[in-house]
């Protein structure tokens, strides 16, 4: 306690300057030390350091623009710890409460989904558990490809991030388990002329995932696949043995909000702006697929 007692004799603005070099979590804990620490910890000097430099622009372009003005930067910080819709409701922005790191989510409308404008292939609908006004549900396609991109300058610098596809699998889904889906993530310099040439990029990751439904009846599914796909299961097995048997396979995680997620990849942000490309695809099996409900892709810090 000697150190705390010594720092307590400093002027309040000095204490605020010191606390601004910590984290939101630390500032909250130190506010319990004394009334002077509490006053210093609640100052705009501290919370202004935890907010992104462009937070006022983000608020002005969000659904918050019509709300009552924020009274302090501390209030602004905690308001932004809950997702707010930005970019005409196509993205959500929030701050991680303990660290103040930026979290973005791209809605299904912000993603590039092959044939998503064709109502015979995909259908757009609202969903009570979605952050966004719309999600998209797969009706039937043989070529499943979902891509998203974001500039790393919109994220927190010097931070390890993960990108996660958020989705659900309906009880009536079919064709999703026959072939593993490919997951990939690539980083490109902003000034690179051809950002579609993934093979020439060294900052990339690739993995696979099986879309298994937790309530799925394996016996009924096997019978259905035998009826619909014939010998495609054998062809899929040969493809896996020849192409992906030594690749990394990731697992699906059940989130507290009711959605499933799978990590598309991880990356580290620097001071340099880069273009992040993320993809989820299953284009090798050529079998009909249905029953996948897509909310979006979340990019959040990894710990």
C-alpha atoms as a PDB file:
ATOM      1  CA  UNK A   1       0.000   0.000   0.000  1.00  0.00           C
ATOM      2  CA  UNK A   2       3.009   2.289   0.299  1.00  0.00           C
ATOM      3  CA  UNK A   3       3.024   2.832  -3.450  1.00  0.00           C
ATOM      4  CA  UNK A   4      -0.681   3.690  -3.471  1.00  0.00           C
ATOM      5  CA  UNK A   5      -0.250   6.077  -0.551  1.00  0.00           C
ATOM      6  CA  UNK A   6       2.643   7.811  -2.287  1.00  0.00           C
ATOM      7  CA  UNK A   7       0.783   8.256  -5.560  1.00  0.00           C
ATOM      8  CA  UNK A   8      -2.213   9.526  -3.626  1.00  0.00           C
ATOM      9  CA  UNK A   9      -0.385  12.761  -2.771  1.00  0.00           C
ATOM     10  CA  UNK A  10      -0.169  13.689  -6.462  1.00  0.00           C
ATOM     11  CA  UNK A  11      -2.626  16.186  -7.997  1.00  0.00           C
ATOM     12  CA  UNK A  12      -5.765  14.618  -9.416  1.00  0.00           C
ATOM     13  CA  UNK A  13      -4.860  15.450 -13.028  1.00  0.00           C
ATOM     14  CA  UNK A  14      -1.552  13.599 -12.599  1.00  0.00           C
ATOM     15  CA  UNK A  15      -3.362  10.561 -11.251  1.00  0.00           C
ATOM     16  CA  UNK A  16      -5.753  10.719 -14.222  1.00  0.00           C
ATOM     17  CA  UNK A  17      -2.806  10.824 -16.614  1.00  0.00           C
ATOM     18  CA  UNK A  18      -1.314   7.749 -14.949  1.00  0.00           C
ATOM     19  CA  UNK A  19      -4.603   5.827 -14.958  1.00  0.00           C
ATOM     20  CA  UNK A  20      -5.058   6.599 -18.659  1.00  0.00           C
ATOM     21  CA  UNK A  21      -2.002   4.428 -19.325  1.00  0.00           C
ATOM     22  CA  UNK A  22      -3.700   1.357 -17.818  1.00  0.00           C
ATOM     23  CA  UNK A  23      -6.809  -0.461 -19.061  1.00  0.00           C
ATOM     24  CA  UNK A  24     -10.539   0.089 -18.463  1.00  0.00           C
ATOM     25  CA  UNK A  25     -10.507  -2.905 -16.127  1.00  0.00           C
ATOM     26  CA  UNK A  26      -7.587  -1.519 -14.098  1.00  0.00           C
ATOM     27  CA  UNK A  27      -9.111   1.957 -13.954  1.00  0.00           C
ATOM     28  CA  UNK A  28     -12.309   0.487 -12.521  1.00  0.00           C
ATOM     29  CA  UNK A  29     -10.409  -1.398  -9.825  1.00  0.00           C
ATOM     30  CA  UNK A  30      -8.241   1.585  -8.864  1.00  0.00           C
ATOM     31  CA  UNK A  31     -11.350   3.770  -8.547  1.00  0.00           C
ATOM     32  CA  UNK A  32     -12.108   1.800  -5.364  1.00  0.00           C
ATOM     33  CA  UNK A  33      -8.883   2.920  -3.639  1.00  0.00           C
ATOM     34  CA  UNK A  34     -10.091   6.350  -2.501  1.00  0.00           C
ATOM     35  CA  UNK A  35     -12.433   9.201  -3.383  1.00  0.00           C
ATOM     36  CA  UNK A  36      -9.586  11.013  -5.172  1.00  0.00           C
ATOM     37  CA  UNK A  37      -8.814   7.916  -7.240  1.00  0.00           C
ATOM     38  CA  UNK A  38     -12.505   7.543  -8.049  1.00  0.00           C
ATOM     39  CA  UNK A  39     -12.737  11.136  -9.229  1.00  0.00           C
ATOM     40  CA  UNK A  40      -9.556  10.780 -11.293  1.00  0.00           C
ATOM     41  CA  UNK A  41     -10.671   7.444 -12.740  1.00  0.00           C
ATOM     42  CA  UNK A  42     -13.943   8.929 -13.990  1.00  0.00           C
ATOM     43  CA  UNK A  43     -12.330  11.855 -15.802  1.00  0.00           C
ATOM     44  CA  UNK A  44     -12.421  12.421 -19.572  1.00  0.00           C
ATOM     45  CA  UNK A  45      -8.609  12.241 -19.573  1.00  0.00           C
ATOM     46  CA  UNK A  46      -8.777   8.554 -18.631  1.00  0.00           C
ATOM     47  CA  UNK A  47     -11.719   7.430 -20.745  1.00  0.00           C
ATOM     48  CA  UNK A  48     -10.726   9.517 -23.730  1.00  0.00           C
ATOM     49  CA  UNK A  49      -7.588   7.376 -23.903  1.00  0.00           C
ATOM     50  CA  UNK A  50      -9.681   4.182 -23.953  1.00  0.00           C
ATOM     51  CA  UNK A  51     -11.935   5.395 -26.779  1.00  0.00           C
ATOM     52  CA  UNK A  52     -10.958   5.154 -30.470  1.00  0.00           C
ATOM     53  CA  UNK A  53      -9.816   8.477 -31.927  1.00  0.00           C
ATOM     54  CA  UNK A  54     -12.755   8.478 -34.351  1.00  0.00           C
ATOM     55  CA  UNK A  55     -15.432   7.411 -31.863  1.00  0.00           C
ATOM     56  CA  UNK A  56     -17.432  10.622 -32.414  1.00  0.00           C
ATOM     57  CA  UNK A  57     -17.592   9.893 -36.151  1.00  0.00           C
ATOM     58  CA  UNK A  58     -18.708   6.336 -35.409  1.00  0.00           C
ATOM     59  CA  UNK A  59     -21.447   7.569 -33.070  1.00  0.00           C
ATOM     60  CA  UNK A  60     -22.605  10.209 -35.571  1.00  0.00           C
ATOM     61  CA  UNK A  61     -22.907   7.597 -38.338  1.00  0.00           C
ATOM     62  CA  UNK A  62     -24.694   5.051 -36.142  1.00  0.00           C
ATOM     63  CA  UNK A  63     -28.155   4.415 -34.746  1.00  0.00           C
ATOM     64  CA  UNK A  64     -27.013   6.423 -31.687  1.00  0.00           C
ATOM     65  CA  UNK A  65     -27.069   9.685 -33.639  1.00  0.00           C
ATOM     66  CA  UNK A  66     -30.690  10.313 -32.642  1.00  0.00           C
ATOM     67  CA  UNK A  67     -30.177   9.579 -28.964  1.00  0.00           C
ATOM     68  CA  UNK A  68     -29.533  12.098 -26.181  1.00  0.00           C
ATOM     69  CA  UNK A  69     -25.958  13.464 -26.187  1.00  0.00           C
ATOM     70  CA  UNK A  70     -23.436  11.507 -24.150  1.00  0.00           C
ATOM     71  CA  UNK A  71     -22.491  13.419 -20.993  1.00  0.00           C
ATOM     72  CA  UNK A  72     -18.928  12.141 -20.596  1.00  0.00           C
ATOM     73  CA  UNK A  73     -16.327   9.994 -22.308  1.00  0.00           C
ATOM     74  CA  UNK A  74     -16.801   7.376 -19.606  1.00  0.00           C
ATOM     75  CA  UNK A  75     -20.491   7.191 -20.503  1.00  0.00           C
ATOM     76  CA  UNK A  76     -19.548   6.999 -24.196  1.00  0.00           C
ATOM     77  CA  UNK A  77     -17.186   4.108 -23.513  1.00  0.00           C
ATOM     78  CA  UNK A  78     -19.732   1.982 -21.682  1.00  0.00           C
ATOM     79  CA  UNK A  79     -22.448   2.789 -24.229  1.00  0.00           C
ATOM     80  CA  UNK A  80     -20.102   1.502 -26.951  1.00  0.00           C
ATOM     81  CA  UNK A  81     -19.497  -1.725 -25.022  1.00  0.00           C
ATOM     82  CA  UNK A  82     -22.860  -2.853 -26.442  1.00  0.00           C
ATOM     83  CA  UNK A  83     -23.096  -3.374 -30.225  1.00  0.00           C
ATOM     84  CA  UNK A  84     -24.342  -0.416 -32.269  1.00  0.00           C
ATOM     85  CA  UNK A  85     -25.307  -0.615 -35.928  1.00  0.00           C
ATOM     86  CA  UNK A  86     -23.193   1.430 -38.347  1.00  0.00           C
ATOM     87  CA  UNK A  87     -22.907   1.798 -42.137  1.00  0.00           C
ATOM     88  CA  UNK A  88     -26.669   1.774 -42.697  1.00  0.00           C
ATOM     89  CA  UNK A  89     -27.106  -1.238 -40.437  1.00  0.00           C
ATOM     90  CA  UNK A  90     -24.750  -3.467 -42.415  1.00  0.00           C
ATOM     91  CA  UNK A  91     -22.077  -3.614 -39.687  1.00  0.00           C
ATOM     92  CA  UNK A  92     -21.983  -3.513 -35.911  1.00  0.00           C
ATOM     93  CA  UNK A  93     -19.334  -1.833 -33.769  1.00  0.00           C
ATOM     94  CA  UNK A  94     -18.525  -2.350 -30.107  1.00  0.00           C
ATOM     95  CA  UNK A  95     -15.685  -2.094 -27.605  1.00  0.00           C
ATOM     96  CA  UNK A  96     -14.427  -4.963 -25.482  1.00  0.00           C
ATOM     97  CA  UNK A  97     -15.233  -3.879 -21.931  1.00  0.00           C
ATOM     98  CA  UNK A  98     -12.068  -5.128 -20.200  1.00  0.00           C
ATOM     99  CA  UNK A  99      -9.539  -3.930 -22.774  1.00  0.00           C
ATOM    100  CA  UNK A 100     -11.273  -1.276 -24.871  1.00  0.00           C
ATOM    101  CA  UNK A 101     -10.312  -3.140 -28.070  1.00  0.00           C
ATOM    102  CA  UNK A 102     -12.506  -2.678 -31.144  1.00  0.00           C
ATOM    103  CA  UNK A 103     -14.897  -5.436 -32.271  1.00  0.00           C
ATOM    104  CA  UNK A 104     -16.615  -5.343 -35.661  1.00  0.00           C
ATOM    105  CA  UNK A 105     -19.216  -7.629 -37.155  1.00  0.00           C
ATOM    106  CA  UNK A 106     -20.111  -7.707 -40.845  1.00  0.00           C
ATOM    107  CA  UNK A 107     -23.754  -8.591 -41.458  1.00  0.00           C
ATOM    108  CA  UNK A 108     -24.847 -11.066 -44.120  1.00  0.00           C
ATOM    109  CA  UNK A 109     -25.788  -8.036 -46.264  1.00  0.00           C
ATOM    110  CA  UNK A 110     -22.188  -6.809 -46.048  1.00  0.00           C
ATOM    111  CA  UNK A 111     -20.799 -10.179 -47.184  1.00  0.00           C
ATOM    112  CA  UNK A 112     -20.410 -11.457 -50.716  1.00  0.00           C
ATOM    113  CA  UNK A 113     -22.521 -14.636 -50.875  1.00  0.00           C
ATOM    114  CA  UNK A 114     -22.758 -16.402 -54.218  1.00  0.00           C
ATOM    115  CA  UNK A 115     -26.338 -16.301 -55.609  1.00  0.00           C
ATOM    116  CA  UNK A 116     -27.694 -14.593 -52.460  1.00  0.00           C
ATOM    117  CA  UNK A 117     -29.837 -12.308 -54.647  1.00  0.00           C
ATOM    118  CA  UNK A 118     -31.608 -15.319 -56.196  1.00  0.00           C
ATOM    119  CA  UNK A 119     -34.725 -16.153 -54.103  1.00  0.00           C
ATOM    120  CA  UNK A 120     -34.586 -19.746 -55.352  1.00  0.00           C
ATOM    121  CA  UNK A 121     -31.160 -20.147 -53.704  1.00  0.00           C
ATOM    122  CA  UNK A 122     -31.291 -17.901 -50.618  1.00  0.00           C
ATOM    123  CA  UNK A 123     -34.026 -16.142 -48.677  1.00  0.00           C
ATOM    124  CA  UNK A 124     -33.642 -12.969 -46.574  1.00  0.00           C
ATOM    125  CA  UNK A 125     -35.542 -12.760 -43.298  1.00  0.00           C
ATOM    126  CA  UNK A 126     -35.515 -11.236 -39.818  1.00  0.00           C
ATOM    127  CA  UNK A 127     -34.409 -13.269 -36.807  1.00  0.00           C
ATOM    128  CA  UNK A 128     -35.060 -12.488 -33.110  1.00  0.00           C
ATOM    129  CA  UNK A 129     -31.538 -13.495 -32.052  1.00  0.00           C
ATOM    130  CA  UNK A 130     -29.716 -11.464 -34.695  1.00  0.00           C
ATOM    131  CA  UNK A 131     -27.904  -8.182 -34.130  1.00  0.00           C
ATOM    132  CA  UNK A 132     -28.963  -7.094 -37.628  1.00  0.00           C
ATOM    133  CA  UNK A 133     -32.353  -6.454 -39.255  1.00  0.00           C
ATOM    134  CA  UNK A 134     -31.786  -9.324 -41.696  1.00  0.00           C
ATOM    135  CA  UNK A 135     -30.116 -12.717 -41.907  1.00  0.00           C
ATOM    136  CA  UNK A 136     -29.987 -14.969 -44.953  1.00  0.00           C
ATOM    137  CA  UNK A 137     -31.011 -18.629 -45.138  1.00  0.00           C
ATOM    138  CA  UNK A 138     -29.755 -21.133 -47.673  1.00  0.00           C
ATOM    139  CA  UNK A 139     -32.614 -22.712 -49.617  1.00  0.00           C
ATOM    140  CA  UNK A 140     -30.657 -24.801 -52.099  1.00  0.00           C
ATOM    141  CA  UNK A 141     -27.313 -24.406 -53.875  1.00  0.00           C
ATOM    142  CA  UNK A 142     -24.548 -26.696 -55.025  1.00  0.00           C
ATOM    143  CA  UNK A 143     -21.860 -23.969 -54.831  1.00  0.00           C
ATOM    144  CA  UNK A 144     -21.537 -22.474 -51.341  1.00  0.00           C
ATOM    145  CA  UNK A 145     -19.190 -19.479 -51.111  1.00  0.00           C
ATOM    146  CA  UNK A 146     -19.192 -16.667 -48.531  1.00  0.00           C
ATOM    147  CA  UNK A 147     -16.584 -13.879 -48.575  1.00  0.00           C
ATOM    148  CA  UNK A 148     -16.004 -10.802 -46.434  1.00  0.00           C
ATOM    149  CA  UNK A 149     -13.402  -8.076 -46.210  1.00  0.00           C
ATOM    150  CA  UNK A 150     -12.474  -5.207 -43.896  1.00  0.00           C
ATOM    151  CA  UNK A 151      -9.621  -2.698 -43.539  1.00  0.00           C
ATOM    152  CA  UNK A 152      -7.433  -3.385 -40.516  1.00  0.00           C
ATOM    153  CA  UNK A 153      -7.163   0.359 -39.781  1.00  0.00           C
ATOM    154  CA  UNK A 154     -10.729   0.168 -38.408  1.00  0.00           C
ATOM    155  CA  UNK A 155      -9.521  -2.280 -35.730  1.00  0.00           C
ATOM    156  CA  UNK A 156      -7.234  -1.767 -32.721  1.00  0.00           C
ATOM    157  CA  UNK A 157      -3.522  -1.736 -33.630  1.00  0.00           C
ATOM    158  CA  UNK A 158      -0.964  -4.207 -32.268  1.00  0.00           C
ATOM    159  CA  UNK A 159      -3.661  -6.717 -31.398  1.00  0.00           C
ATOM    160  CA  UNK A 160      -4.202 -10.401 -32.113  1.00  0.00           C
ATOM    161  CA  UNK A 161      -7.612 -10.888 -33.730  1.00  0.00           C
ATOM    162  CA  UNK A 162      -9.779 -13.808 -34.796  1.00  0.00           C
ATOM    163  CA  UNK A 163     -12.504 -13.812 -37.469  1.00  0.00           C
ATOM    164  CA  UNK A 164     -15.601 -15.961 -36.831  1.00  0.00           C
ATOM    165  CA  UNK A 165     -18.549 -16.941 -39.027  1.00  0.00           C
ATOM    166  CA  UNK A 166     -21.827 -16.850 -37.039  1.00  0.00           C
ATOM    167  CA  UNK A 167     -24.570 -19.187 -38.272  1.00  0.00           C
ATOM    168  CA  UNK A 168     -27.260 -21.708 -37.428  1.00  0.00           C
ATOM    169  CA  UNK A 169     -28.125 -25.071 -38.977  1.00  0.00           C
ATOM    170  CA  UNK A 170     -31.828 -25.848 -39.330  1.00  0.00           C
ATOM    171  CA  UNK A 171     -33.421 -29.167 -38.411  1.00  0.00           C
ATOM    172  CA  UNK A 172     -34.284 -29.704 -42.085  1.00  0.00           C
ATOM    173  CA  UNK A 173     -30.750 -29.092 -43.341  1.00  0.00           C
ATOM    174  CA  UNK A 174     -29.265 -31.488 -45.863  1.00  0.00           C
ATOM    175  CA  UNK A 175     -26.101 -31.808 -47.945  1.00  0.00           C
ATOM    176  CA  UNK A 176     -23.917 -29.840 -45.526  1.00  0.00           C
ATOM    177  CA  UNK A 177     -22.106 -32.813 -43.977  1.00  0.00           C
ATOM    178  CA  UNK A 178     -21.039 -34.633 -47.121  1.00  0.00           C
ATOM    179  CA  UNK A 179     -17.930 -32.526 -47.764  1.00  0.00           C
ATOM    180  CA  UNK A 180     -15.892 -30.361 -45.332  1.00  0.00           C
ATOM    181  CA  UNK A 181     -16.064 -26.604 -45.830  1.00  0.00           C
ATOM    182  CA  UNK A 182     -12.851 -24.685 -46.456  1.00  0.00           C
ATOM    183  CA  UNK A 183     -11.976 -21.751 -44.176  1.00  0.00           C
ATOM    184  CA  UNK A 184      -9.426 -19.146 -45.195  1.00  0.00           C
ATOM    185  CA  UNK A 185      -8.086 -15.756 -44.173  1.00  0.00           C
ATOM    186  CA  UNK A 186      -5.653 -13.512 -46.081  1.00  0.00           C
ATOM    187  CA  UNK A 187      -4.058 -10.125 -45.437  1.00  0.00           C
ATOM    188  CA  UNK A 188      -3.076  -7.870 -48.334  1.00  0.00           C
ATOM    189  CA  UNK A 189      -1.255  -4.528 -48.464  1.00  0.00           C
ATOM    190  CA  UNK A 190      -3.690  -1.806 -49.487  1.00  0.00           C
ATOM    191  CA  UNK A 191      -1.518  -0.812 -52.450  1.00  0.00           C
ATOM    192  CA  UNK A 192      -1.210  -4.363 -53.834  1.00  0.00           C
ATOM    193  CA  UNK A 193      -2.558  -4.217 -57.429  1.00  0.00           C
ATOM    194  CA  UNK A 194      -4.211  -7.667 -57.530  1.00  0.00           C
ATOM    195  CA  UNK A 195      -5.811  -8.592 -54.220  1.00  0.00           C
ATOM    196  CA  UNK A 196      -7.491 -11.614 -55.803  1.00  0.00           C
ATOM    197  CA  UNK A 197      -4.203 -13.452 -56.246  1.00  0.00           C
ATOM    198  CA  UNK A 198      -4.345 -15.288 -52.919  1.00  0.00           C
ATOM    199  CA  UNK A 199      -1.639 -17.769 -53.821  1.00  0.00           C
ATOM    200  CA  UNK A 200       1.055 -15.078 -53.908  1.00  0.00           C
ATOM    201  CA  UNK A 201       0.267 -13.897 -50.391  1.00  0.00           C
ATOM    202  CA  UNK A 202       2.210 -15.224 -47.419  1.00  0.00           C
ATOM    203  CA  UNK A 203      -0.066 -13.800 -44.697  1.00  0.00           C
ATOM    204  CA  UNK A 204      -2.755 -16.439 -45.004  1.00  0.00           C
ATOM    205  CA  UNK A 205      -4.260 -19.394 -43.179  1.00  0.00           C
ATOM    206  CA  UNK A 206      -6.360 -22.307 -44.377  1.00  0.00           C
ATOM    207  CA  UNK A 207      -8.362 -24.942 -42.512  1.00  0.00           C
ATOM    208  CA  UNK A 208     -11.517 -27.062 -42.824  1.00  0.00           C
ATOM    209  CA  UNK A 209     -14.635 -27.780 -40.791  1.00  0.00           C
ATOM    210  CA  UNK A 210     -17.431 -30.347 -40.791  1.00  0.00           C
ATOM    211  CA  UNK A 211     -20.890 -28.822 -40.418  1.00  0.00           C
ATOM    212  CA  UNK A 212     -22.349 -31.328 -37.957  1.00  0.00           C
ATOM    213  CA  UNK A 213     -25.646 -30.417 -36.321  1.00  0.00           C
ATOM    214  CA  UNK A 214     -25.810 -31.256 -32.608  1.00  0.00           C
ATOM    215  CA  UNK A 215     -29.400 -32.558 -32.888  1.00  0.00           C
ATOM    216  CA  UNK A 216     -28.734 -34.447 -36.073  1.00  0.00           C
ATOM    217  CA  UNK A 217     -29.923 -38.036 -36.527  1.00  0.00           C
ATOM    218  CA  UNK A 218     -26.963 -39.728 -38.182  1.00  0.00           C
ATOM    219  CA  UNK A 219     -28.959 -42.798 -39.274  1.00  0.00           C
ATOM    220  CA  UNK A 220     -31.660 -40.761 -40.999  1.00  0.00           C
ATOM    221  CA  UNK A 221     -29.021 -38.523 -42.579  1.00  0.00           C
ATOM    222  CA  UNK A 222     -27.096 -41.532 -43.908  1.00  0.00           C
ATOM    223  CA  UNK A 223     -30.277 -42.905 -45.475  1.00  0.00           C
ATOM    224  CA  UNK A 224     -31.124 -39.513 -46.976  1.00  0.00           C
ATOM    225  CA  UNK A 225     -27.624 -39.080 -48.403  1.00  0.00           C
ATOM    226  CA  UNK A 226     -27.721 -42.601 -49.895  1.00  0.00           C
ATOM    227  CA  UNK A 227     -31.019 -41.739 -51.578  1.00  0.00           C
ATOM    228  CA  UNK A 228     -30.013 -38.302 -52.874  1.00  0.00           C
ATOM    229  CA  UNK A 229     -26.297 -38.599 -53.548  1.00  0.00           C
ATOM    230  CA  UNK A 230     -25.599 -42.222 -54.429  1.00  0.00           C
ATOM    231  CA  UNK A 231     -21.850 -42.800 -54.598  1.00  0.00           C
ATOM    232  CA  UNK A 232     -20.884 -39.195 -53.794  1.00  0.00           C
ATOM    233  CA  UNK A 233     -19.955 -40.178 -50.238  1.00  0.00           C
ATOM    234  CA  UNK A 234     -17.300 -42.475 -51.667  1.00  0.00           C
ATOM    235  CA  UNK A 235     -16.079 -39.718 -53.985  1.00  0.00           C
ATOM    236  CA  UNK A 236     -15.965 -37.284 -51.072  1.00  0.00           C
ATOM    237  CA  UNK A 237     -13.908 -39.750 -49.019  1.00  0.00           C
ATOM    238  CA  UNK A 238     -11.388 -40.066 -51.845  1.00  0.00           C
ATOM    239  CA  UNK A 239     -11.178 -36.277 -52.195  1.00  0.00           C
ATOM    240  CA  UNK A 240     -10.474 -35.889 -48.472  1.00  0.00           C
ATOM    241  CA  UNK A 241      -7.790 -38.601 -48.537  1.00  0.00           C
ATOM    242  CA  UNK A 242      -6.068 -36.992 -51.520  1.00  0.00           C
ATOM    243  CA  UNK A 243      -6.358 -33.305 -50.646  1.00  0.00           C
ATOM    244  CA  UNK A 244      -7.216 -32.442 -47.042  1.00  0.00           C
ATOM    245  CA  UNK A 245      -6.324 -35.361 -44.782  1.00  0.00           C
ATOM    246  CA  UNK A 246      -3.264 -33.509 -43.388  1.00  0.00           C
ATOM    247  CA  UNK A 247      -5.022 -30.142 -43.063  1.00  0.00           C
ATOM    248  CA  UNK A 248      -6.207 -28.535 -39.840  1.00  0.00           C
ATOM    249  CA  UNK A 249      -9.843 -29.218 -38.950  1.00  0.00           C
ATOM    250  CA  UNK A 250     -11.646 -26.778 -36.661  1.00  0.00           C
ATOM    251  CA  UNK A 251     -14.674 -27.414 -34.459  1.00  0.00           C
ATOM    252  CA  UNK A 252     -17.974 -25.575 -34.152  1.00  0.00           C
ATOM    253  CA  UNK A 253     -18.569 -23.648 -30.938  1.00  0.00           C
ATOM    254  CA  UNK A 254     -21.987 -22.976 -29.395  1.00  0.00           C
ATOM    255  CA  UNK A 255     -22.234 -19.336 -28.294  1.00  0.00           C
ATOM    256  CA  UNK A 256     -24.220 -18.049 -25.337  1.00  0.00           C
ATOM    257  CA  UNK A 257     -26.437 -16.034 -27.696  1.00  0.00           C
ATOM    258  CA  UNK A 258     -27.660 -19.218 -29.398  1.00  0.00           C
ATOM    259  CA  UNK A 259     -25.529 -19.017 -32.549  1.00  0.00           C
ATOM    260  CA  UNK A 260     -22.837 -21.397 -33.719  1.00  0.00           C
ATOM    261  CA  UNK A 261     -19.448 -20.042 -34.728  1.00  0.00           C
ATOM    262  CA  UNK A 262     -16.316 -21.309 -36.425  1.00  0.00           C
ATOM    263  CA  UNK A 263     -12.988 -19.490 -36.594  1.00  0.00           C
ATOM    264  CA  UNK A 264     -12.015 -18.547 -40.148  1.00  0.00           C
ATOM    265  CA  UNK A 265      -8.486 -17.612 -39.047  1.00  0.00           C
ATOM    266  CA  UNK A 266      -6.412 -15.290 -36.875  1.00  0.00           C
ATOM    267  CA  UNK A 267      -4.130 -12.344 -37.612  1.00  0.00           C
ATOM    268  CA  UNK A 268      -2.175  -9.554 -35.915  1.00  0.00           C
ATOM    269  CA  UNK A 269      -2.839  -5.878 -36.614  1.00  0.00           C
ATOM    270  CA  UNK A 270       0.049  -3.437 -36.970  1.00  0.00           C
ATOM    271  CA  UNK A 271       0.205   0.308 -37.518  1.00  0.00           C
ATOM    272  CA  UNK A 272       0.043  -0.357 -41.275  1.00  0.00           C
ATOM    273  CA  UNK A 273      -3.355  -0.531 -42.936  1.00  0.00           C
ATOM    274  CA  UNK A 274      -4.134  -3.818 -44.692  1.00  0.00           C
ATOM    275  CA  UNK A 275      -7.091  -5.452 -46.398  1.00  0.00           C
ATOM    276  CA  UNK A 276      -8.392  -8.531 -44.603  1.00  0.00           C
ATOM    277  CA  UNK A 277     -10.131 -11.143 -46.778  1.00  0.00           C
ATOM    278  CA  UNK A 278     -12.125 -13.952 -45.116  1.00  0.00           C
ATOM    279  CA  UNK A 279     -13.916 -16.853 -46.762  1.00  0.00           C
ATOM    280  CA  UNK A 280     -16.046 -19.917 -46.062  1.00  0.00           C
ATOM    281  CA  UNK A 281     -16.702 -22.209 -48.994  1.00  0.00           C
ATOM    282  CA  UNK A 282     -17.719 -25.690 -50.067  1.00  0.00           C
ATOM    283  CA  UNK A 283     -17.451 -25.960 -53.832  1.00  0.00           C
ATOM    284  CA  UNK A 284     -15.909 -29.411 -54.369  1.00  0.00           C
ATOM    285  CA  UNK A 285     -18.830 -31.730 -53.673  1.00  0.00           C
ATOM    286  CA  UNK A 286     -21.284 -30.278 -56.227  1.00  0.00           C
ATOM    287  CA  UNK A 287     -24.198 -31.682 -54.218  1.00  0.00           C
ATOM    288  CA  UNK A 288     -27.279 -29.685 -53.263  1.00  0.00           C
ATOM    289  CA  UNK A 289     -27.145 -28.113 -49.814  1.00  0.00           C
ATOM    290  CA  UNK A 290     -29.779 -26.412 -47.675  1.00  0.00           C
ATOM    291  CA  UNK A 291     -30.543 -25.195 -44.153  1.00  0.00           C
ATOM    292  CA  UNK A 292     -27.641 -22.837 -43.331  1.00  0.00           C
ATOM    293  CA  UNK A 293     -28.647 -19.542 -41.666  1.00  0.00           C
ATOM    294  CA  UNK A 294     -25.982 -16.804 -41.826  1.00  0.00           C
ATOM    295  CA  UNK A 295     -25.837 -13.803 -39.478  1.00  0.00           C
ATOM    296  CA  UNK A 296     -22.372 -12.488 -40.375  1.00  0.00           C
ATOM    297  CA  UNK A 297     -18.654 -12.513 -39.597  1.00  0.00           C
ATOM    298  CA  UNK A 298     -17.365 -11.153 -36.278  1.00  0.00           C
ATOM    299  CA  UNK A 299     -13.789  -9.856 -35.948  1.00  0.00           C
ATOM    300  CA  UNK A 300     -12.784  -9.695 -32.277  1.00  0.00           C
ATOM    301  CA  UNK A 301      -9.591  -9.765 -30.135  1.00  0.00           C
ATOM    302  CA  UNK A 302      -8.165 -13.119 -29.087  1.00  0.00           C
ATOM    303  CA  UNK A 303      -6.832 -13.708 -25.564  1.00  0.00           C
END
